[in-house]
Protein backbone atom coordinates (compact mmCIF):
# COMPACT_ATOMS: atom_id res chain seq x y z
CA UNK A 1 0.00 0.00 0.00
CA UNK A 2 2.82 2.41 0.77
CA UNK A 3 4.28 2.08 -2.70
CA UNK A 4 0.89 2.88 -4.26
CA UNK A 5 0.59 6.03 -2.16
CA UNK A 6 4.13 7.02 -3.04
CA UNK A 7 3.40 6.49 -6.75
CA UNK A 8 0.34 8.75 -6.54
CA UNK A 9 2.46 11.41 -4.82
CA UNK A 10 4.83 11.26 -7.77
CA UNK A 11 1.97 11.57 -10.25
CA UNK A 12 0.57 14.55 -8.38
CA UNK A 13 3.97 16.24 -8.25
CA UNK A 14 4.46 15.67 -11.97
CA UNK A 15 0.99 17.02 -12.73
CA UNK A 16 1.68 20.21 -10.77
CA UNK A 17 5.00 20.65 -12.59
CA UNK A 18 3.26 20.28 -15.96
CA UNK A 19 0.64 22.89 -15.03
CA UNK A 20 3.39 25.30 -13.94
CA UNK A 21 5.29 24.75 -17.20
CA UNK A 22 2.11 25.45 -19.19
CA UNK A 23 1.65 28.71 -17.27
CA UNK A 24 5.23 29.71 -18.08
CA UNK A 25 4.78 28.93 -21.77
CA UNK A 26 1.50 30.88 -21.88
CA UNK A 27 3.32 34.01 -20.65
CA UNK A 28 5.87 33.94 -23.49
CA UNK A 29 5.69 36.50 -26.28
CA UNK A 30 4.31 35.49 -29.66
CA UNK A 31 7.78 35.81 -31.20
CA UNK A 32 9.28 33.47 -28.62
CA UNK A 33 6.51 30.91 -29.22
CA UNK A 34 7.22 31.01 -32.98
CA UNK A 35 10.95 30.54 -32.32
CA UNK A 36 10.16 27.45 -30.24
CA UNK A 37 7.83 26.16 -32.98
CA UNK A 38 10.55 26.53 -35.62
CA UNK A 39 13.01 24.68 -33.40
CA UNK A 40 10.53 21.82 -32.90
CA UNK A 41 9.88 21.68 -36.65
CA UNK A 42 13.60 21.33 -37.36
CA UNK A 43 13.86 18.53 -34.79
CA UNK A 44 10.88 16.74 -36.38
CA UNK A 45 12.43 17.14 -39.83
CA UNK A 46 15.68 15.56 -38.65
CA UNK A 47 13.83 12.63 -37.12
CA UNK A 48 11.76 12.02 -40.25
CA UNK A 49 14.88 12.21 -42.44
CA UNK A 50 16.71 9.71 -40.23
CA UNK A 51 13.80 7.29 -40.34
CA UNK A 52 13.37 7.57 -44.11
CA UNK A 53 9.91 9.07 -43.96
CA UNK A 54 8.54 12.05 -45.87
CA UNK A 55 10.40 15.24 -45.01
CA UNK A 56 8.31 18.15 -43.84
CA UNK A 57 9.16 21.75 -44.58
CA UNK A 58 10.43 23.99 -41.80
CA UNK A 59 8.81 27.40 -41.95
CA UNK A 60 11.03 30.24 -43.11
CA UNK A 61 10.68 33.44 -41.20
CA UNK A 62 12.59 36.65 -41.75
CA UNK A 63 14.85 37.02 -38.73
């Protein structure tokens, strides 16, 4: 029983951390959110290239 309670404590702690991270991301400027999106797109492109799947275009923005 103790291990189950400890596991739920971990889940609750993780859930609170996720909510806090979402609050932090919501406060970012639009420009910062786009920068993060472009970074994630380039990561996804690299993964799809390595696995031999269709390559997706990374958006081009004037920076």
